[in-house]
Amino acid sequence: LEAGEVFVDLGFGIGKVLFQAALTLPLLARGVELSASRRDHAQAAWEVLRRPTVFDEFGAIDGRRPTAFGDGATWPPGTVELLAGDFTESPAGRSSPWSD
C-alpha cells in the first residue's frame, strides 16, 4: 500500500485491518460488512481511535506517539469508510463499493 491509495476489505468484521491501514498511512480504507451490528461496533471503535487524544487516554503500544508524519500531520493519517450490506450489491447512495 502507498499513500493516497484506496484499501478495500470485504467482510471487515470489527474493522481491525481497516483501522491498521488508516492509522499507518494517509489513504482511504473502505470496508463492506454484511452484519450491521459488526459495522456499528466497528464505527464506535473508529470514533475512539480517531480522537486526537487517543494516545493520552490509552497510550501507544511502545509508549511513544507516532512521529512518522511530522509535527504538522493530522491524526489519523488515513480515513475509514464503513459500509453495511452485501458487497455484491451497490450500497445505498453509491453506484458501486469500488468507486467514489
C-alpha atoms as a PDB file:
ATOM      1  CA  LEU A   1       0.000   0.000   0.000  1.00  0.00           C
ATOM      2  CA  GLU A   2       1.049   3.562  -0.675  1.00  0.00           C
ATOM      3  CA  ALA A   3      -0.206   6.939   0.463  1.00  0.00           C
ATOM      4  CA  GLY A   4      -3.286   8.099  -1.443  1.00  0.00           C
ATOM      5  CA  GLU A   5      -4.477   4.640  -2.447  1.00  0.00           C
ATOM      6  CA  VAL A   6      -7.793   3.010  -1.541  1.00  0.00           C
ATOM      7  CA  PHE A   7      -7.646  -0.153   0.563  1.00  0.00           C
ATOM      8  CA  VAL A   8     -10.797  -2.338   0.387  1.00  0.00           C
ATOM      9  CA  ASP A   9     -11.755  -5.043   2.900  1.00  0.00           C
ATOM     10  CA  LEU A  10     -14.765  -7.222   2.092  1.00  0.00           C
ATOM     11  CA  GLY A  11     -16.266  -8.658   5.260  1.00  0.00           C
ATOM     12  CA  PHE A  12     -14.292  -6.403   7.592  1.00  0.00           C
ATOM     13  CA  GLY A  13     -15.778  -7.771  10.830  1.00  0.00           C
ATOM     14  CA  ILE A  14     -14.981  -5.203  13.510  1.00  0.00           C
ATOM     15  CA  GLY A  15     -12.564  -3.285  11.281  1.00  0.00           C
ATOM     16  CA  LYS A  16      -9.127  -4.079  12.717  1.00  0.00           C
ATOM     17  CA  VAL A  17      -7.382  -4.406   9.338  1.00  0.00           C
ATOM     18  CA  LEU A  18      -9.011  -1.214   8.038  1.00  0.00           C
ATOM     19  CA  PHE A  19      -8.006   0.670  11.188  1.00  0.00           C
ATOM     20  CA  GLN A  20      -4.398  -0.514  10.919  1.00  0.00           C
ATOM     21  CA  ALA A  21      -4.205   0.712   7.325  1.00  0.00           C
ATOM     22  CA  ALA A  22      -5.731   4.123   8.129  1.00  0.00           C
ATOM     23  CA  LEU A  23      -3.636   4.575  11.268  1.00  0.00           C
ATOM     24  CA  THR A  24      -0.465   3.755   9.355  1.00  0.00           C
ATOM     25  CA  LEU A  25      -0.820   5.555   6.005  1.00  0.00           C
ATOM     26  CA  PRO A  26      -2.679   8.551   4.579  1.00  0.00           C
ATOM     27  CA  LEU A  27      -5.147   6.543   2.496  1.00  0.00           C
ATOM     28  CA  LEU A  28      -8.832   5.659   2.327  1.00  0.00           C
ATOM     29  CA  ALA A  29      -9.647   2.344   3.991  1.00  0.00           C
ATOM     30  CA  ARG A  30     -13.085   1.245   2.772  1.00  0.00           C
ATOM     31  CA  GLY A  31     -14.872  -1.820   4.045  1.00  0.00           C
ATOM     32  CA  VAL A  32     -18.151  -3.595   3.327  1.00  0.00           C
ATOM     33  CA  GLU A  33     -19.652  -5.786   6.076  1.00  0.00           C
ATOM     34  CA  LEU A  34     -22.808  -7.884   5.775  1.00  0.00           C
ATOM     35  CA  SER A  35     -23.538  -7.694   9.519  1.00  0.00           C
ATOM     36  CA  ALA A  36     -24.956  -4.315  10.525  1.00  0.00           C
ATOM     37  CA  SER A  37     -24.129  -4.950  14.191  1.00  0.00           C
ATOM     38  CA  ARG A  38     -20.448  -5.624  13.410  1.00  0.00           C
ATOM     39  CA  ARG A  39     -20.414  -2.480  11.288  1.00  0.00           C
ATOM     40  CA  ASP A  40     -21.890  -0.489  14.196  1.00  0.00           C
ATOM     41  CA  HIS A  41     -19.269  -1.868  16.616  1.00  0.00           C
ATOM     42  CA  ALA A  42     -16.523  -1.004  14.144  1.00  0.00           C
ATOM     43  CA  GLN A  43     -17.876   2.537  13.740  1.00  0.00           C
ATOM     44  CA  ALA A  44     -17.862   3.022  17.519  1.00  0.00           C
ATOM     45  CA  ALA A  45     -14.272   1.746  17.743  1.00  0.00           C
ATOM     46  CA  TRP A  46     -13.142   4.049  14.917  1.00  0.00           C
ATOM     47  CA  GLU A  47     -14.678   7.053  16.680  1.00  0.00           C
ATOM     48  CA  VAL A  48     -12.429   6.291  19.670  1.00  0.00           C
ATOM     49  CA  LEU A  49      -9.288   5.590  17.628  1.00  0.00           C
ATOM     50  CA  ARG A  50      -9.551   8.746  15.533  1.00  0.00           C
ATOM     51  CA  ARG A  51      -9.679  11.107  18.528  1.00  0.00           C
ATOM     52  CA  PRO A  52      -6.555  13.286  18.731  1.00  0.00           C
ATOM     53  CA  THR A  53      -6.317  12.457  22.455  1.00  0.00           C
ATOM     54  CA  VAL A  54      -6.278   8.673  21.997  1.00  0.00           C
ATOM     55  CA  PHE A  55      -2.601   8.408  22.990  1.00  0.00           C
ATOM     56  CA  ASP A  56      -3.149  10.494  26.101  1.00  0.00           C
ATOM     57  CA  GLU A  57      -6.082   8.288  27.083  1.00  0.00           C
ATOM     58  CA  PHE A  58      -4.733   4.837  26.227  1.00  0.00           C
ATOM     59  CA  GLY A  59      -1.030   5.184  25.409  1.00  0.00           C
ATOM     60  CA  ALA A  60       0.749   3.660  22.455  1.00  0.00           C
ATOM     61  CA  ILE A  61       1.895   0.067  22.151  1.00  0.00           C
ATOM     62  CA  ASP A  62       5.527   1.035  22.727  1.00  0.00           C
ATOM     63  CA  GLY A  63       4.726   4.038  24.954  1.00  0.00           C
ATOM     64  CA  ARG A  64       5.539   6.600  22.250  1.00  0.00           C
ATOM     65  CA  ARG A  65       3.403   8.699  19.956  1.00  0.00           C
ATOM     66  CA  PRO A  66       3.853   8.088  16.212  1.00  0.00           C
ATOM     67  CA  THR A  67       6.047  10.739  14.601  1.00  0.00           C
ATOM     68  CA  ALA A  68       6.391   9.380  11.073  1.00  0.00           C
ATOM     69  CA  PHE A  69       4.262  12.117   9.543  1.00  0.00           C
ATOM     70  CA  GLY A  70       5.906  15.075  11.291  1.00  0.00           C
ATOM     71  CA  ASP A  71       4.661  17.679  13.735  1.00  0.00           C
ATOM     72  CA  GLY A  72       2.172  19.259  11.305  1.00  0.00           C
ATOM     73  CA  ALA A  73       0.483  15.984  10.406  1.00  0.00           C
ATOM     74  CA  THR A  74      -3.162  15.372  11.172  1.00  0.00           C
ATOM     75  CA  TRP A  75      -4.369  12.398  13.196  1.00  0.00           C
ATOM     76  CA  PRO A  76      -5.240   9.899  11.960  1.00  0.00           C
ATOM     77  CA  PRO A  77      -3.250   9.944   8.710  1.00  0.00           C
ATOM     78  CA  GLY A  78      -5.935   7.992   6.823  1.00  0.00           C
ATOM     79  CA  THR A  79      -9.701   7.829   6.723  1.00  0.00           C
ATOM     80  CA  VAL A  80     -12.082   4.904   7.175  1.00  0.00           C
ATOM     81  CA  GLU A  81     -15.385   4.367   5.384  1.00  0.00           C
ATOM     82  CA  LEU A  82     -17.525   1.557   6.794  1.00  0.00           C
ATOM     83  CA  LEU A  83     -20.405   0.319   4.638  1.00  0.00           C
ATOM     84  CA  ALA A  84     -23.034  -2.212   5.705  1.00  0.00           C
ATOM     85  CA  GLY A  85     -24.512  -4.568   3.146  1.00  0.00           C
ATOM     86  CA  ASP A  86     -23.760  -7.241   0.598  1.00  0.00           C
ATOM     87  CA  PHE A  87     -20.601  -6.364  -1.350  1.00  0.00           C
ATOM     88  CA  THR A  88     -22.111  -7.929  -4.486  1.00  0.00           C
ATOM     89  CA  GLU A  89     -24.781  -5.211  -4.436  1.00  0.00           C
ATOM     90  CA  SER A  90     -24.355  -1.449  -4.536  1.00  0.00           C
ATOM     91  CA  PRO A  91     -24.526   0.188  -1.087  1.00  0.00           C
ATOM     92  CA  ALA A  92     -27.228   2.819  -0.610  1.00  0.00           C
ATOM     93  CA  GLY A  93     -26.295   6.091  -2.280  1.00  0.00           C
ATOM     94  CA  ARG A  94     -23.367   4.598  -4.248  1.00  0.00           C
ATOM     95  CA  SER A  95     -23.134   3.250  -7.748  1.00  0.00           C
ATOM     96  CA  SER A  96     -20.589   0.674  -6.532  1.00  0.00           C
ATOM     97  CA  PRO A  97     -18.498  -0.069  -3.438  1.00  0.00           C
ATOM     98  CA  TRP A  98     -15.419   0.209  -5.689  1.00  0.00           C
ATOM     99  CA  SER A  99     -15.774   3.766  -6.965  1.00  0.00           C
ATOM    100  CA  ASP A 100     -16.188   7.163  -5.355  1.00  0.00           C
END
